[in-house]
Amino acid sequence: MDNSVKQESAEQKAEEIPQNPISITMMCIGIGIIVAGIIIGAFMADDVLDFQWSIFLTWFLTSFVSGFIFIGFAEIINILHKIEKKRA
């Protein structure tokens, strides 16, 4: 019984910690990079006669990897922020 009460209070404390604004900004930049890669890739690959899949996939995959690198760093910053707030 006491263990579940402690777990609930720990979850409440974790919810009370606000996210780091740098983490939120980097997450939005990462999502924006992925969306921009899809849009730019579609425009660049749209040829007069047919759709160039190699060009689209090049744009999409590079933006996908770059975007997820930003999202990964945002998560790292967010986790370090939560750890720092728990210790304080």
N, C-alpha and C. Protein backbone atom coordinates (compact mmCIF):
# COMPACT_ATOMS: atom_id res chain seq x y z
N MET A 1 0.83 -1.19 0.00
CA MET A 1 0.00 0.00 0.00
C MET A 1 0.87 1.25 0.00
N ASP A 2 1.87 1.28 0.88
CA ASP A 2 2.74 2.44 0.95
C ASP A 2 3.54 2.63 -0.33
N ASN A 3 3.89 1.52 -0.97
CA ASN A 3 4.67 1.58 -2.21
C ASN A 3 3.88 2.26 -3.32
N SER A 4 2.57 1.96 -3.41
CA SER A 4 1.75 2.58 -4.46
C SER A 4 1.57 4.07 -4.17
N VAL A 5 1.49 4.45 -2.90
CA VAL A 5 1.36 5.87 -2.54
C VAL A 5 2.63 6.61 -2.91
N LYS A 6 3.79 6.00 -2.66
CA LYS A 6 5.06 6.62 -3.01
C LYS A 6 5.20 6.75 -4.52
N GLN A 7 4.73 5.74 -5.25
CA GLN A 7 4.82 5.78 -6.71
C GLN A 7 3.92 6.88 -7.26
N GLU A 8 2.72 7.03 -6.71
CA GLU A 8 1.82 8.09 -7.16
C GLU A 8 2.40 9.46 -6.88
N SER A 9 3.01 9.65 -5.70
CA SER A 9 3.58 10.95 -5.37
C SER A 9 4.78 11.25 -6.25
N ALA A 10 5.55 10.22 -6.63
CA ALA A 10 6.69 10.43 -7.53
C ALA A 10 6.20 10.82 -8.91
N GLU A 11 5.10 10.21 -9.37
CA GLU A 11 4.54 10.56 -10.67
C GLU A 11 3.99 11.99 -10.66
N GLN A 12 3.39 12.40 -9.54
CA GLN A 12 2.88 13.76 -9.44
C GLN A 12 4.01 14.77 -9.46
N LYS A 13 5.11 14.45 -8.78
CA LYS A 13 6.26 15.35 -8.79
C LYS A 13 6.86 15.46 -10.19
N ALA A 14 6.89 14.33 -10.92
CA ALA A 14 7.43 14.35 -12.28
C ALA A 14 6.55 15.18 -13.20
N GLU A 15 5.25 15.17 -12.98
CA GLU A 15 4.34 15.96 -13.79
C GLU A 15 4.44 17.44 -13.46
N GLU A 16 4.83 17.77 -12.22
CA GLU A 16 4.93 19.16 -11.81
C GLU A 16 6.14 19.87 -12.41
N ILE A 17 7.15 19.10 -12.82
CA ILE A 17 8.37 19.70 -13.38
C ILE A 17 8.06 20.19 -14.79
N PRO A 18 8.18 21.49 -15.02
CA PRO A 18 7.91 21.98 -16.38
C PRO A 18 9.04 21.58 -17.34
N GLN A 19 8.67 21.44 -18.60
CA GLN A 19 9.68 21.09 -19.58
C GLN A 19 10.58 22.29 -19.84
N ASN A 20 11.78 21.98 -20.22
CA ASN A 20 12.77 22.99 -20.54
C ASN A 20 12.39 23.66 -21.87
N PRO A 21 12.38 24.99 -21.95
CA PRO A 21 12.00 25.66 -23.21
C PRO A 21 12.97 25.35 -24.36
N ILE A 22 14.22 25.09 -24.05
CA ILE A 22 15.17 24.72 -25.10
C ILE A 22 14.80 23.36 -25.67
N SER A 23 14.37 22.45 -24.80
CA SER A 23 13.95 21.12 -25.25
C SER A 23 12.73 21.22 -26.16
N ILE A 24 11.77 22.04 -25.79
CA ILE A 24 10.57 22.23 -26.60
C ILE A 24 10.93 22.83 -27.95
N THR A 25 11.81 23.83 -27.95
CA THR A 25 12.22 24.48 -29.19
C THR A 25 12.94 23.50 -30.11
N MET A 26 13.83 22.71 -29.55
CA MET A 26 14.56 21.74 -30.38
C MET A 26 13.64 20.65 -30.91
N MET A 27 12.64 20.27 -30.14
CA MET A 27 11.66 19.29 -30.61
C MET A 27 10.88 19.86 -31.80
N CYS A 28 10.46 21.11 -31.71
CA CYS A 28 9.74 21.75 -32.81
C CYS A 28 10.62 21.89 -34.05
N ILE A 29 11.89 22.23 -33.85
CA ILE A 29 12.82 22.34 -34.98
C ILE A 29 12.99 20.98 -35.65
N GLY A 30 13.11 19.92 -34.86
CA GLY A 30 13.25 18.57 -35.42
C GLY A 30 12.04 18.16 -36.24
N ILE A 31 10.86 18.42 -35.72
CA ILE A 31 9.64 18.10 -36.46
C ILE A 31 9.55 18.96 -37.71
N GLY A 32 9.93 20.24 -37.61
CA GLY A 32 9.93 21.12 -38.77
C GLY A 32 10.89 20.66 -39.86
N ILE A 33 12.05 20.16 -39.46
CA ILE A 33 13.02 19.66 -40.43
C ILE A 33 12.44 18.47 -41.19
N ILE A 34 11.79 17.57 -40.47
CA ILE A 34 11.20 16.39 -41.13
C ILE A 34 10.10 16.81 -42.09
N VAL A 35 9.21 17.68 -41.65
CA VAL A 35 8.11 18.14 -42.52
C VAL A 35 8.66 18.89 -43.72
N ALA A 36 9.63 19.76 -43.50
CA ALA A 36 10.23 20.52 -44.61
C ALA A 36 10.91 19.58 -45.60
N GLY A 37 11.55 18.54 -45.11
CA GLY A 37 12.20 17.58 -46.00
C GLY A 37 11.21 16.86 -46.88
N ILE A 38 10.06 16.52 -46.31
CA ILE A 38 9.02 15.86 -47.11
C ILE A 38 8.49 16.81 -48.19
N ILE A 39 8.21 18.04 -47.80
CA ILE A 39 7.66 19.00 -48.76
C ILE A 39 8.67 19.36 -49.84
N ILE A 40 9.90 19.68 -49.43
CA ILE A 40 10.93 20.04 -50.41
C ILE A 40 11.25 18.85 -51.30
N GLY A 41 11.31 17.66 -50.72
CA GLY A 41 11.57 16.47 -51.51
C GLY A 41 10.50 16.23 -52.55
N ALA A 42 9.25 16.45 -52.17
CA ALA A 42 8.15 16.27 -53.13
C ALA A 42 8.23 17.29 -54.26
N PHE A 43 8.55 18.54 -53.93
CA PHE A 43 8.66 19.56 -54.98
C PHE A 43 9.86 19.32 -55.89
N MET A 44 10.98 18.93 -55.29
CA MET A 44 12.18 18.71 -56.09
C MET A 44 12.06 17.46 -56.97
N ALA A 45 11.33 16.47 -56.50
CA ALA A 45 11.21 15.21 -57.23
C ALA A 45 10.12 15.26 -58.30
N ASP A 46 9.24 16.25 -58.22
CA ASP A 46 8.15 16.34 -59.18
C ASP A 46 8.67 16.91 -60.49
N ASP A 47 8.92 16.02 -61.40
CA ASP A 47 9.41 16.39 -62.73
C ASP A 47 8.21 16.58 -63.66
N VAL A 48 8.47 17.13 -64.81
CA VAL A 48 7.41 17.36 -65.78
C VAL A 48 6.76 16.04 -66.21
N LEU A 49 7.57 15.03 -66.42
CA LEU A 49 7.05 13.77 -66.95
C LEU A 49 6.69 12.75 -65.87
N ASP A 50 7.51 12.61 -64.85
CA ASP A 50 7.24 11.62 -63.82
C ASP A 50 7.84 12.05 -62.49
N PHE A 51 7.60 11.24 -61.48
CA PHE A 51 8.06 11.52 -60.12
C PHE A 51 9.39 10.80 -59.91
N GLN A 52 10.42 11.53 -59.54
CA GLN A 52 11.76 10.97 -59.32
C GLN A 52 11.89 10.51 -57.86
N TRP A 53 11.69 9.21 -57.65
CA TRP A 53 11.72 8.67 -56.29
C TRP A 53 13.09 8.78 -55.64
N SER A 54 14.13 8.70 -56.42
CA SER A 54 15.48 8.77 -55.83
C SER A 54 15.73 10.15 -55.22
N ILE A 55 15.27 11.18 -55.89
CA ILE A 55 15.44 12.55 -55.36
C ILE A 55 14.59 12.73 -54.10
N PHE A 56 13.34 12.26 -54.16
CA PHE A 56 12.47 12.37 -52.99
C PHE A 56 13.04 11.64 -51.79
N LEU A 57 13.49 10.40 -52.00
CA LEU A 57 14.02 9.63 -50.89
C LEU A 57 15.30 10.23 -50.32
N THR A 58 16.11 10.83 -51.19
CA THR A 58 17.32 11.49 -50.70
C THR A 58 16.96 12.65 -49.77
N TRP A 59 16.04 13.50 -50.19
CA TRP A 59 15.61 14.62 -49.35
C TRP A 59 14.93 14.13 -48.08
N PHE A 60 14.04 13.15 -48.24
CA PHE A 60 13.28 12.67 -47.10
C PHE A 60 14.19 12.00 -46.06
N LEU A 61 15.06 11.12 -46.49
CA LEU A 61 15.90 10.39 -45.54
C LEU A 61 16.89 11.29 -44.82
N THR A 62 17.47 12.24 -45.55
CA THR A 62 18.41 13.15 -44.88
C THR A 62 17.68 14.05 -43.88
N SER A 63 16.50 14.52 -44.24
CA SER A 63 15.75 15.35 -43.29
C SER A 63 15.23 14.51 -42.13
N PHE A 64 14.88 13.26 -42.39
CA PHE A 64 14.40 12.38 -41.33
C PHE A 64 15.49 12.13 -40.30
N VAL A 65 16.69 11.83 -40.76
CA VAL A 65 17.81 11.59 -39.84
C VAL A 65 18.16 12.87 -39.08
N SER A 66 18.25 13.99 -39.79
CA SER A 66 18.58 15.26 -39.13
C SER A 66 17.51 15.65 -38.12
N GLY A 67 16.26 15.48 -38.49
CA GLY A 67 15.17 15.82 -37.58
C GLY A 67 15.19 14.97 -36.33
N PHE A 68 15.45 13.67 -36.49
CA PHE A 68 15.48 12.81 -35.31
C PHE A 68 16.73 13.04 -34.47
N ILE A 69 17.79 13.53 -35.04
CA ILE A 69 18.95 13.92 -34.21
C ILE A 69 18.55 15.10 -33.32
N PHE A 70 17.84 16.08 -33.89
CA PHE A 70 17.35 17.20 -33.08
C PHE A 70 16.39 16.72 -32.00
N ILE A 71 15.47 15.82 -32.36
CA ILE A 71 14.50 15.32 -31.39
C ILE A 71 15.23 14.53 -30.29
N GLY A 72 16.24 13.77 -30.65
CA GLY A 72 17.01 13.02 -29.66
C GLY A 72 17.73 13.94 -28.69
N PHE A 73 18.36 14.99 -29.20
CA PHE A 73 19.01 15.95 -28.31
C PHE A 73 18.00 16.66 -27.43
N ALA A 74 16.81 16.92 -27.95
CA ALA A 74 15.76 17.56 -27.15
C ALA A 74 15.36 16.64 -25.99
N GLU A 75 15.24 15.35 -26.25
CA GLU A 75 14.91 14.39 -25.19
C GLU A 75 16.03 14.31 -24.15
N ILE A 76 17.27 14.33 -24.61
CA ILE A 76 18.40 14.30 -23.67
C ILE A 76 18.37 15.52 -22.77
N ILE A 77 18.12 16.69 -23.34
CA ILE A 77 18.04 17.92 -22.55
C ILE A 77 16.88 17.84 -21.57
N ASN A 78 15.75 17.32 -22.02
CA ASN A 78 14.58 17.20 -21.15
C ASN A 78 14.85 16.24 -19.98
N ILE A 79 15.48 15.11 -20.26
CA ILE A 79 15.78 14.15 -19.19
C ILE A 79 16.79 14.74 -18.20
N LEU A 80 17.82 15.41 -18.72
CA LEU A 80 18.80 16.04 -17.81
C LEU A 80 18.15 17.14 -16.98
N HIS A 81 17.20 17.85 -17.55
CA HIS A 81 16.47 18.90 -16.82
C HIS A 81 15.65 18.27 -15.68
N LYS A 82 14.97 17.15 -15.97
CA LYS A 82 14.19 16.48 -14.93
C LYS A 82 15.08 15.95 -13.82
N ILE A 83 16.23 15.38 -14.18
CA ILE A 83 17.16 14.88 -13.17
C ILE A 83 17.66 16.02 -12.30
N GLU A 84 17.99 17.13 -12.91
CA GLU A 84 18.50 18.29 -12.16
C GLU A 84 17.43 18.83 -11.23
N LYS A 85 16.18 18.86 -11.67
CA LYS A 85 15.10 19.38 -10.81
C LYS A 85 14.79 18.42 -9.65
N LYS A 86 14.94 17.11 -9.87
CA LYS A 86 14.70 16.15 -8.80
C LYS A 86 15.77 16.26 -7.73
N ARG A 87 17.00 16.56 -8.13
CA ARG A 87 18.10 16.67 -7.17
C ARG A 87 18.02 17.95 -6.37
N ALA A 88 17.41 18.99 -6.92
CA ALA A 88 17.34 20.28 -6.24
C ALA A 88 16.30 20.31 -5.16
